[in-house]
Amino acid sequence: MLNTQPHLQACDDFYEALITAHQGLPTPDSHAMNARLVLLLANHIGDQATLLQALQLARGNPQHTAAPDAAPLAAVEHQAITPVVPSHATA
């Protein structure tokens, strides 16, 4: 089961580190880095049902979180996510 409750310690620091890791990378390299990060974290999680549930939530399809295989991911409208600089980093 996917834990969607706040659990990440120092989340702003992690977000800033994530944005910093992307700085200076061309878009294809940034996408490749995101893919490698997702695969590393998926391997760490290891549970297929949890990963499928996370995919559904990440695609903005929360109604299928109880049964992650209820709707194919291809049926969900594709929306790109653009990283943004944390607001506290610009102050």
PDB file of N, CA and C in Angstrom:
ATOM      1  N   MET A   1       0.844  -1.178   0.000  1.00  0.00           N
ATOM      2  CA  MET A   1       0.000   0.000   0.000  1.00  0.00           C
ATOM      3  C   MET A   1       0.891   1.243   0.000  1.00  0.00           C
ATOM      4  N   LEU A   2       0.535   2.194  -0.827  1.00  0.00           N
ATOM      5  CA  LEU A   2       1.289   3.437  -0.985  1.00  0.00           C
ATOM      6  C   LEU A   2       1.007   4.370   0.178  1.00  0.00           C
ATOM      7  N   ASN A   3       2.053   4.864   0.802  1.00  0.00           N
ATOM      8  CA  ASN A   3       1.924   5.832   1.885  1.00  0.00           C
ATOM      9  C   ASN A   3       1.889   7.220   1.251  1.00  0.00           C
ATOM     10  N   THR A   4       0.737   7.890   1.313  1.00  0.00           N
ATOM     11  CA  THR A   4       0.621   9.230   0.738  1.00  0.00           C
ATOM     12  C   THR A   4       0.600  10.320   1.812  1.00  0.00           C
ATOM     13  N   GLN A   5       0.798   9.919   3.057  1.00  0.00           N
ATOM     14  CA  GLN A   5       0.870  10.891   4.150  1.00  0.00           C
ATOM     15  C   GLN A   5       2.267  11.513   4.166  1.00  0.00           C
ATOM     16  N   PRO A   6       2.390  12.771   4.622  1.00  0.00           N
ATOM     17  CA  PRO A   6       3.715  13.395   4.703  1.00  0.00           C
ATOM     18  C   PRO A   6       4.677  12.508   5.490  1.00  0.00           C
ATOM     19  N   HIS A   7       5.791  12.179   4.877  1.00  0.00           N
ATOM     20  CA  HIS A   7       6.742  11.252   5.487  1.00  0.00           C
ATOM     21  C   HIS A   7       8.191  11.682   5.246  1.00  0.00           C
ATOM     22  N   LEU A   8       8.402  12.498   4.239  1.00  0.00           N
ATOM     23  CA  LEU A   8       9.742  12.902   3.842  1.00  0.00           C
ATOM     24  C   LEU A   8      10.285  13.955   4.795  1.00  0.00           C
ATOM     25  N   GLN A   9      11.427  13.672   5.384  1.00  0.00           N
ATOM     26  CA  GLN A   9      12.064  14.636   6.269  1.00  0.00           C
ATOM     27  C   GLN A   9      12.810  15.654   5.417  1.00  0.00           C
ATOM     28  N   ALA A  10      12.757  16.911   5.808  1.00  0.00           N
ATOM     29  CA  ALA A  10      13.431  18.001   5.108  1.00  0.00           C
ATOM     30  C   ALA A  10      13.051  18.008   3.625  1.00  0.00           C
ATOM     31  N   CYS A  11      11.737  17.993   3.364  1.00  0.00           N
ATOM     32  CA  CYS A  11      11.262  17.897   1.974  1.00  0.00           C
ATOM     33  C   CYS A  11      11.720  19.081   1.120  1.00  0.00           C
ATOM     34  N   ASP A  12      11.780  20.287   1.687  1.00  0.00           N
ATOM     35  CA  ASP A  12      12.256  21.430   0.917  1.00  0.00           C
ATOM     36  C   ASP A  12      13.716  21.261   0.523  1.00  0.00           C
ATOM     37  N   ASP A  13      14.508  20.703   1.426  1.00  0.00           N
ATOM     38  CA  ASP A  13      15.925  20.469   1.121  1.00  0.00           C
ATOM     39  C   ASP A  13      16.077  19.435   0.011  1.00  0.00           C
ATOM     40  N   PHE A  14      15.258  18.373   0.058  1.00  0.00           N
ATOM     41  CA  PHE A  14      15.321  17.371  -1.003  1.00  0.00           C
ATOM     42  C   PHE A  14      14.895  17.970  -2.332  1.00  0.00           C
ATOM     43  N   TYR A  15      13.809  18.742  -2.319  1.00  0.00           N
ATOM     44  CA  TYR A  15      13.327  19.353  -3.556  1.00  0.00           C
ATOM     45  C   TYR A  15      14.402  20.270  -4.153  1.00  0.00           C
ATOM     46  N   GLU A  16      15.046  21.048  -3.307  1.00  0.00           N
ATOM     47  CA  GLU A  16      16.117  21.930  -3.778  1.00  0.00           C
ATOM     48  C   GLU A  16      17.276  21.108  -4.356  1.00  0.00           C
ATOM     49  N   ALA A  17      17.628  19.996  -3.714  1.00  0.00           N
ATOM     50  CA  ALA A  17      18.688  19.127  -4.232  1.00  0.00           C
ATOM     51  C   ALA A  17      18.289  18.517  -5.579  1.00  0.00           C
ATOM     52  N   LEU A  18      17.017  18.173  -5.720  1.00  0.00           N
ATOM     53  CA  LEU A  18      16.528  17.622  -6.982  1.00  0.00           C
ATOM     54  C   LEU A  18      16.633  18.652  -8.103  1.00  0.00           C
ATOM     55  N   ILE A  19      16.199  19.869  -7.833  1.00  0.00           N
ATOM     56  CA  ILE A  19      16.284  20.936  -8.832  1.00  0.00           C
ATOM     57  C   ILE A  19      17.740  21.231  -9.165  1.00  0.00           C
ATOM     58  N   THR A  20      18.593  21.278  -8.160  1.00  0.00           N
ATOM     59  CA  THR A  20      20.019  21.530  -8.379  1.00  0.00           C
ATOM     60  C   THR A  20      20.638  20.435  -9.235  1.00  0.00           C
ATOM     61  N   ALA A  21      20.233  19.191  -9.017  1.00  0.00           N
ATOM     62  CA  ALA A  21      20.766  18.074  -9.799  1.00  0.00           C
ATOM     63  C   ALA A  21      20.416  18.210 -11.275  1.00  0.00           C
ATOM     64  N   HIS A  22      19.337  18.910 -11.584  1.00  0.00           N
ATOM     65  CA  HIS A  22      18.900  19.094 -12.973  1.00  0.00           C
ATOM     66  C   HIS A  22      19.533  20.315 -13.637  1.00  0.00           C
ATOM     67  N   GLN A  23      20.054  21.228 -12.839  1.00  0.00           N
ATOM     68  CA  GLN A  23      20.593  22.465 -13.404  1.00  0.00           C
ATOM     69  C   GLN A  23      21.740  22.170 -14.365  1.00  0.00           C
ATOM     70  N   GLY A  24      21.687  22.822 -15.504  1.00  0.00           N
ATOM     71  CA  GLY A  24      22.736  22.682 -16.496  1.00  0.00           C
ATOM     72  C   GLY A  24      22.582  21.488 -17.419  1.00  0.00           C
ATOM     73  N   LEU A  25      21.595  20.649 -17.153  1.00  0.00           N
ATOM     74  CA  LEU A  25      21.392  19.489 -18.013  1.00  0.00           C
ATOM     75  C   LEU A  25      20.497  19.851 -19.189  1.00  0.00           C
ATOM     76  N   PRO A  26      20.848  19.413 -20.381  1.00  0.00           N
ATOM     77  CA  PRO A  26      19.915  19.572 -21.497  1.00  0.00           C
ATOM     78  C   PRO A  26      18.646  18.753 -21.197  1.00  0.00           C
ATOM     79  N   THR A  27      17.539  19.135 -21.794  1.00  0.00           N
ATOM     80  CA  THR A  27      16.259  18.475 -21.522  1.00  0.00           C
ATOM     81  C   THR A  27      16.327  16.955 -21.651  1.00  0.00           C
ATOM     82  N   PRO A  28      16.926  16.395 -22.719  1.00  0.00           N
ATOM     83  CA  PRO A  28      16.972  14.924 -22.798  1.00  0.00           C
ATOM     84  C   PRO A  28      17.750  14.289 -21.639  1.00  0.00           C
ATOM     85  N   ASP A  29      18.824  14.936 -21.198  1.00  0.00           N
ATOM     86  CA  ASP A  29      19.595  14.405 -20.073  1.00  0.00           C
ATOM     87  C   ASP A  29      18.822  14.526 -18.765  1.00  0.00           C
ATOM     88  N   SER A  30      18.049  15.612 -18.632  1.00  0.00           N
ATOM     89  CA  SER A  30      17.212  15.792 -17.451  1.00  0.00           C
ATOM     90  C   SER A  30      16.142  14.705 -17.381  1.00  0.00           C
ATOM     91  N   HIS A  31      15.521  14.415 -18.523  1.00  0.00           N
ATOM     92  CA  HIS A  31      14.515  13.345 -18.562  1.00  0.00           C
ATOM     93  C   HIS A  31      15.150  11.988 -18.251  1.00  0.00           C
ATOM     94  N   ALA A  32      16.344  11.755 -18.780  1.00  0.00           N
ATOM     95  CA  ALA A  32      17.035  10.486 -18.512  1.00  0.00           C
ATOM     96  C   ALA A  32      17.383  10.358 -17.036  1.00  0.00           C
ATOM     97  N   MET A  33      17.796  11.463 -16.418  1.00  0.00           N
ATOM     98  CA  MET A  33      18.094  11.433 -14.989  1.00  0.00           C
ATOM     99  C   MET A  33      16.840  11.118 -14.184  1.00  0.00           C
ATOM    100  N   ASN A  34      15.709  11.738 -14.549  1.00  0.00           N
ATOM    101  CA  ASN A  34      14.449  11.441 -13.866  1.00  0.00           C
ATOM    102  C   ASN A  34      14.095   9.966 -14.001  1.00  0.00           C
ATOM    103  N   ALA A  35      14.271   9.421 -15.192  1.00  0.00           N
ATOM    104  CA  ALA A  35      13.957   7.999 -15.415  1.00  0.00           C
ATOM    105  C   ALA A  35      14.838   7.111 -14.543  1.00  0.00           C
ATOM    106  N   ARG A  36      16.134   7.419 -14.482  1.00  0.00           N
ATOM    107  CA  ARG A  36      17.030   6.612 -13.633  1.00  0.00           C
ATOM    108  C   ARG A  36      16.647   6.724 -12.167  1.00  0.00           C
ATOM    109  N   LEU A  37      16.296   7.936 -11.718  1.00  0.00           N
ATOM    110  CA  LEU A  37      15.882   8.128 -10.329  1.00  0.00           C
ATOM    111  C   LEU A  37      14.624   7.326 -10.016  1.00  0.00           C
ATOM    112  N   VAL A  38      13.644   7.370 -10.924  1.00  0.00           N
ATOM    113  CA  VAL A  38      12.408   6.612 -10.720  1.00  0.00           C
ATOM    114  C   VAL A  38      12.704   5.124 -10.635  1.00  0.00           C
ATOM    115  N   LEU A  39      13.549   4.624 -11.523  1.00  0.00           N
ATOM    116  CA  LEU A  39      13.870   3.192 -11.502  1.00  0.00           C
ATOM    117  C   LEU A  39      14.634   2.800 -10.243  1.00  0.00           C
ATOM    118  N   LEU A  40      15.538   3.643  -9.788  1.00  0.00           N
ATOM    119  CA  LEU A  40      16.248   3.365  -8.532  1.00  0.00           C
ATOM    120  C   LEU A  40      15.278   3.303  -7.352  1.00  0.00           C
ATOM    121  N   LEU A  41      14.379   4.275  -7.276  1.00  0.00           N
ATOM    122  CA  LEU A  41      13.423   4.290  -6.171  1.00  0.00           C
ATOM    123  C   LEU A  41      12.401   3.162  -6.290  1.00  0.00           C
ATOM    124  N   ALA A  42      11.995   2.827  -7.511  1.00  0.00           N
ATOM    125  CA  ALA A  42      11.075   1.698  -7.710  1.00  0.00           C
ATOM    126  C   ALA A  42      11.730   0.402  -7.248  1.00  0.00           C
ATOM    127  N   ASN A  43      13.000   0.246  -7.565  1.00  0.00           N
ATOM    128  CA  ASN A  43      13.723  -0.944  -7.107  1.00  0.00           C
ATOM    129  C   ASN A  43      13.767  -0.987  -5.584  1.00  0.00           C
ATOM    130  N   HIS A  44      13.960   0.157  -4.973  1.00  0.00           N
ATOM    131  CA  HIS A  44      14.009   0.225  -3.513  1.00  0.00           C
ATOM    132  C   HIS A  44      12.654  -0.151  -2.905  1.00  0.00           C
ATOM    133  N   ILE A  45      11.566   0.320  -3.514  1.00  0.00           N
ATOM    134  CA  ILE A  45      10.222  -0.010  -3.024  1.00  0.00           C
ATOM    135  C   ILE A  45       9.918  -1.479  -3.259  1.00  0.00           C
ATOM    136  N   GLY A  46      10.098  -1.916  -4.502  1.00  0.00           N
ATOM    137  CA  GLY A  46      10.014  -3.330  -4.826  1.00  0.00           C
ATOM    138  C   GLY A  46       8.637  -3.954  -4.958  1.00  0.00           C
ATOM    139  N   ASP A  47       7.607  -3.357  -4.406  1.00  0.00           N
ATOM    140  CA  ASP A  47       6.273  -3.957  -4.422  1.00  0.00           C
ATOM    141  C   ASP A  47       5.488  -3.468  -5.638  1.00  0.00           C
ATOM    142  N   GLN A  48       5.116  -4.398  -6.533  1.00  0.00           N
ATOM    143  CA  GLN A  48       4.452  -4.055  -7.790  1.00  0.00           C
ATOM    144  C   GLN A  48       3.142  -3.300  -7.576  1.00  0.00           C
ATOM    145  N   ALA A  49       2.317  -3.735  -6.649  1.00  0.00           N
ATOM    146  CA  ALA A  49       1.026  -3.077  -6.412  1.00  0.00           C
ATOM    147  C   ALA A  49       1.229  -1.635  -5.942  1.00  0.00           C
ATOM    148  N   THR A  50       2.193  -1.418  -5.076  1.00  0.00           N
ATOM    149  CA  THR A  50       2.492  -0.073  -4.596  1.00  0.00           C
ATOM    150  C   THR A  50       2.982   0.803  -5.736  1.00  0.00           C
ATOM    151  N   LEU A  51       3.829   0.253  -6.592  1.00  0.00           N
ATOM    152  CA  LEU A  51       4.359   1.012  -7.718  1.00  0.00           C
ATOM    153  C   LEU A  51       3.266   1.356  -8.719  1.00  0.00           C
ATOM    154  N   LEU A  52       2.356   0.419  -8.989  1.00  0.00           N
ATOM    155  CA  LEU A  52       1.256   0.705  -9.906  1.00  0.00           C
ATOM    156  C   LEU A  52       0.329   1.782  -9.336  1.00  0.00           C
ATOM    157  N   GLN A  53       0.112   1.721  -8.027  1.00  0.00           N
ATOM    158  CA  GLN A  53      -0.709   2.736  -7.377  1.00  0.00           C
ATOM    159  C   GLN A  53      -0.034   4.104  -7.487  1.00  0.00           C
ATOM    160  N   ALA A  54       1.273   4.156  -7.294  1.00  0.00           N
ATOM    161  CA  ALA A  54       2.017   5.410  -7.414  1.00  0.00           C
ATOM    162  C   ALA A  54       1.934   5.950  -8.837  1.00  0.00           C
ATOM    163  N   LEU A  55       2.011   5.075  -9.830  1.00  0.00           N
ATOM    164  CA  LEU A  55       1.887   5.513 -11.222  1.00  0.00           C
ATOM    165  C   LEU A  55       0.526   6.153 -11.477  1.00  0.00           C
ATOM    166  N   GLN A  56      -0.519   5.528 -10.963  1.00  0.00           N
ATOM    167  CA  GLN A  56      -1.860   6.078 -11.151  1.00  0.00           C
ATOM    168  C   GLN A  56      -1.980   7.456 -10.503  1.00  0.00           C
ATOM    169  N   LEU A  57      -1.496   7.597  -9.278  1.00  0.00           N
ATOM    170  CA  LEU A  57      -1.563   8.888  -8.596  1.00  0.00           C
ATOM    171  C   LEU A  57      -0.733   9.939  -9.318  1.00  0.00           C
ATOM    172  N   ALA A  58       0.457   9.562  -9.763  1.00  0.00           N
ATOM    173  CA  ALA A  58       1.332  10.503 -10.456  1.00  0.00           C
ATOM    174  C   ALA A  58       0.716  10.979 -11.763  1.00  0.00           C
ATOM    175  N   ARG A  59      -0.084  10.139 -12.390  1.00  0.00           N
ATOM    176  CA  ARG A  59      -0.759  10.516 -13.635  1.00  0.00           C
ATOM    177  C   ARG A  59      -2.022  11.318 -13.366  1.00  0.00           C
ATOM    178  N   GLY A  60      -2.344  11.553 -12.090  1.00  0.00           N
ATOM    179  CA  GLY A  60      -3.528  12.327 -11.754  1.00  0.00           C
ATOM    180  C   GLY A  60      -4.805  11.528 -11.832  1.00  0.00           C
ATOM    181  N   ASN A  61      -4.720  10.229 -11.520  1.00  0.00           N
ATOM    182  CA  ASN A  61      -5.858   9.330 -11.628  1.00  0.00           C
ATOM    183  C   ASN A  61      -6.122   8.680 -10.266  1.00  0.00           C
ATOM    184  N   PRO A  62      -6.460   9.491  -9.240  1.00  0.00           N
ATOM    185  CA  PRO A  62      -6.581   8.943  -7.878  1.00  0.00           C
ATOM    186  C   PRO A  62      -7.746   7.998  -7.684  1.00  0.00           C
ATOM    187  N   GLN A  63      -8.771   8.013  -8.534  1.00  0.00           N
ATOM    188  CA  GLN A  63      -9.916   7.124  -8.334  1.00  0.00           C
ATOM    189  C   GLN A  63      -9.544   5.666  -8.502  1.00  0.00           C
ATOM    190  N   HIS A  64      -8.380   5.366  -9.064  1.00  0.00           N
ATOM    191  CA  HIS A  64      -7.970   3.985  -9.280  1.00  0.00           C
ATOM    192  C   HIS A  64      -6.898   3.526  -8.291  1.00  0.00           C
ATOM    193  N   THR A  65      -6.720   4.274  -7.191  1.00  0.00           N
ATOM    194  CA  THR A  65      -5.659   3.913  -6.265  1.00  0.00           C
ATOM    195  C   THR A  65      -5.951   2.608  -5.529  1.00  0.00           C
ATOM    196  N   ALA A  66      -7.219   2.262  -5.332  1.00  0.00           N
ATOM    197  CA  ALA A  66      -7.528   1.021  -4.622  1.00  0.00           C
ATOM    198  C   ALA A  66      -7.295  -0.196  -5.513  1.00  0.00           C
ATOM    199  N   ALA A  67      -7.437  -0.026  -6.811  1.00  0.00           N
ATOM    200  CA  ALA A  67      -7.226  -1.117  -7.756  1.00  0.00           C
ATOM    201  C   ALA A  67      -6.352  -0.588  -8.892  1.00  0.00           C
ATOM    202  N   PRO A  68      -5.025  -0.570  -8.699  1.00  0.00           N
ATOM    203  CA  PRO A  68      -4.135   0.093  -9.642  1.00  0.00           C
ATOM    204  C   PRO A  68      -4.209  -0.443 -11.063  1.00  0.00           C
ATOM    205  N   ASP A  69      -4.668  -1.667 -11.267  1.00  0.00           N
ATOM    206  CA  ASP A  69      -4.724  -2.195 -12.627  1.00  0.00           C
ATOM    207  C   ASP A  69      -6.116  -2.034 -13.242  1.00  0.00           C
ATOM    208  N   ALA A  70      -6.998  -1.253 -12.590  1.00  0.00           N
ATOM    209  CA  ALA A  70      -8.369  -1.116 -13.067  1.00  0.00           C
ATOM    210  C   ALA A  70      -8.467  -0.357 -14.385  1.00  0.00           C
ATOM    211  N   ALA A  71      -7.549   0.572 -14.632  1.00  0.00           N
ATOM    212  CA  ALA A  71      -7.572   1.322 -15.890  1.00  0.00           C
ATOM    213  C   ALA A  71      -6.161   1.383 -16.439  1.00  0.00           C
ATOM    214  N   PRO A  72      -6.003   1.147 -17.727  1.00  0.00           N
ATOM    215  CA  PRO A  72      -4.664   1.221 -18.300  1.00  0.00           C
ATOM    216  C   PRO A  72      -4.121   2.638 -18.228  1.00  0.00           C
ATOM    217  N   LEU A  73      -2.822   2.749 -18.007  1.00  0.00           N
ATOM    218  CA  LEU A  73      -2.209   4.068 -17.925  1.00  0.00           C
ATOM    219  C   LEU A  73      -2.378   4.851 -19.211  1.00  0.00           C
ATOM    220  N   ALA A  74      -2.424   4.180 -20.341  1.00  0.00           N
ATOM    221  CA  ALA A  74      -2.574   4.862 -21.622  1.00  0.00           C
ATOM    222  C   ALA A  74      -3.902   5.594 -21.716  1.00  0.00           C
ATOM    223  N   ALA A  75      -4.887   5.201 -20.919  1.00  0.00           N
ATOM    224  CA  ALA A  75      -6.200   5.841 -20.973  1.00  0.00           C
ATOM    225  C   ALA A  75      -6.204   7.190 -20.270  1.00  0.00           C
ATOM    226  N   VAL A  76      -5.187   7.483 -19.477  1.00  0.00           N
ATOM    227  CA  VAL A  76      -5.107   8.733 -18.743  1.00  0.00           C
ATOM    228  C   VAL A  76      -4.451   9.776 -19.634  1.00  0.00           C
ATOM    229  N   GLU A  77      -5.030  10.970 -19.681  1.00  0.00           N
ATOM    230  CA  GLU A  77      -4.484  12.031 -20.527  1.00  0.00           C
ATOM    231  C   GLU A  77      -3.061  12.367 -20.108  1.00  0.00           C
ATOM    232  N   HIS A  78      -2.169  12.505 -21.080  1.00  0.00           N
ATOM    233  CA  HIS A  78      -0.764  12.812 -20.817  1.00  0.00           C
ATOM    234  C   HIS A  78      -0.603  14.285 -20.477  1.00  0.00           C
ATOM    235  N   GLN A  79       0.028  14.561 -19.355  1.00  0.00           N
ATOM    236  CA  GLN A  79       0.338  15.922 -18.963  1.00  0.00           C
ATOM    237  C   GLN A  79       1.791  15.974 -18.530  1.00  0.00           C
ATOM    238  N   ALA A  80       2.559  16.849 -19.164  1.00  0.00           N
ATOM    239  CA  ALA A  80       3.970  17.000 -18.808  1.00  0.00           C
ATOM    240  C   ALA A  80       4.087  17.740 -17.486  1.00  0.00           C
ATOM    241  N   ILE A  81       5.109  17.399 -16.730  1.00  0.00           N
ATOM    242  CA  ILE A  81       5.399  18.077 -15.476  1.00  0.00           C
ATOM    243  C   ILE A  81       6.679  18.868 -15.674  1.00  0.00           C
ATOM    244  N   THR A  82       6.620  20.150 -15.390  1.00  0.00           N
ATOM    245  CA  THR A  82       7.778  21.013 -15.532  1.00  0.00           C
ATOM    246  C   THR A  82       8.336  21.308 -14.154  1.00  0.00           C
ATOM    247  N   PRO A  83       9.617  20.983 -13.901  1.00  0.00           N
ATOM    248  CA  PRO A  83      10.192  21.319 -12.603  1.00  0.00           C
ATOM    249  C   PRO A  83      10.235  22.834 -12.401  1.00  0.00           C
ATOM    250  N   VAL A  84      10.076  23.259 -11.183  1.00  0.00           N
ATOM    251  CA  VAL A  84      10.153  24.682 -10.855  1.00  0.00           C
ATOM    252  C   VAL A  84      11.145  24.875  -9.719  1.00  0.00           C
ATOM    253  N   VAL A  85      11.708  26.065  -9.650  1.00  0.00           N
ATOM    254  CA  VAL A  85      12.650  26.383  -8.581  1.00  0.00           C
ATOM    255  C   VAL A  85      11.848  26.601  -7.304  1.00  0.00           C
ATOM    256  N   PRO A  86      12.288  26.014  -6.167  1.00  0.00           N
ATOM    257  CA  PRO A  86      11.576  26.219  -4.910  1.00  0.00           C
ATOM    258  C   PRO A  86      11.488  27.707  -4.592  1.00  0.00           C
ATOM    259  N   SER A  87      10.345  28.158  -4.085  1.00  0.00           N
ATOM    260  CA  SER A  87      10.137  29.577  -3.836  1.00  0.00           C
ATOM    261  C   SER A  87      11.109  30.122  -2.798  1.00  0.00           C
ATOM    262  N   HIS A  88      11.521  29.319  -1.847  1.00  0.00           N
ATOM    263  CA  HIS A  88      12.444  29.815  -0.834  1.00  0.00           C
ATOM    264  C   HIS A  88      13.858  30.018  -1.398  1.00  0.00           C
ATOM    265  N   ALA A  89      14.162  29.422  -2.561  1.00  0.00           N
ATOM    266  CA  ALA A  89      15.495  29.552  -3.152  1.00  0.00           C
ATOM    267  C   ALA A  89      15.670  30.879  -3.853  1.00  0.00           C
ATOM    268  N   THR A  90      14.565  31.570  -4.177  1.00  0.00           N
ATOM    269  CA  THR A  90      14.656  32.836  -4.898  1.00  0.00           C
ATOM    270  C   THR A  90      14.643  34.023  -3.960  1.00  0.00           C
ATOM    271  N   ALA A  91      14.394  33.791  -2.691  1.00  0.00           N
ATOM    272  CA  ALA A  91      14.312  34.905  -1.730  1.00  0.00           C
ATOM    273  C   ALA A  91      15.689  35.384  -1.330  1.00  0.00           C
TER     274      ALA A  91
END
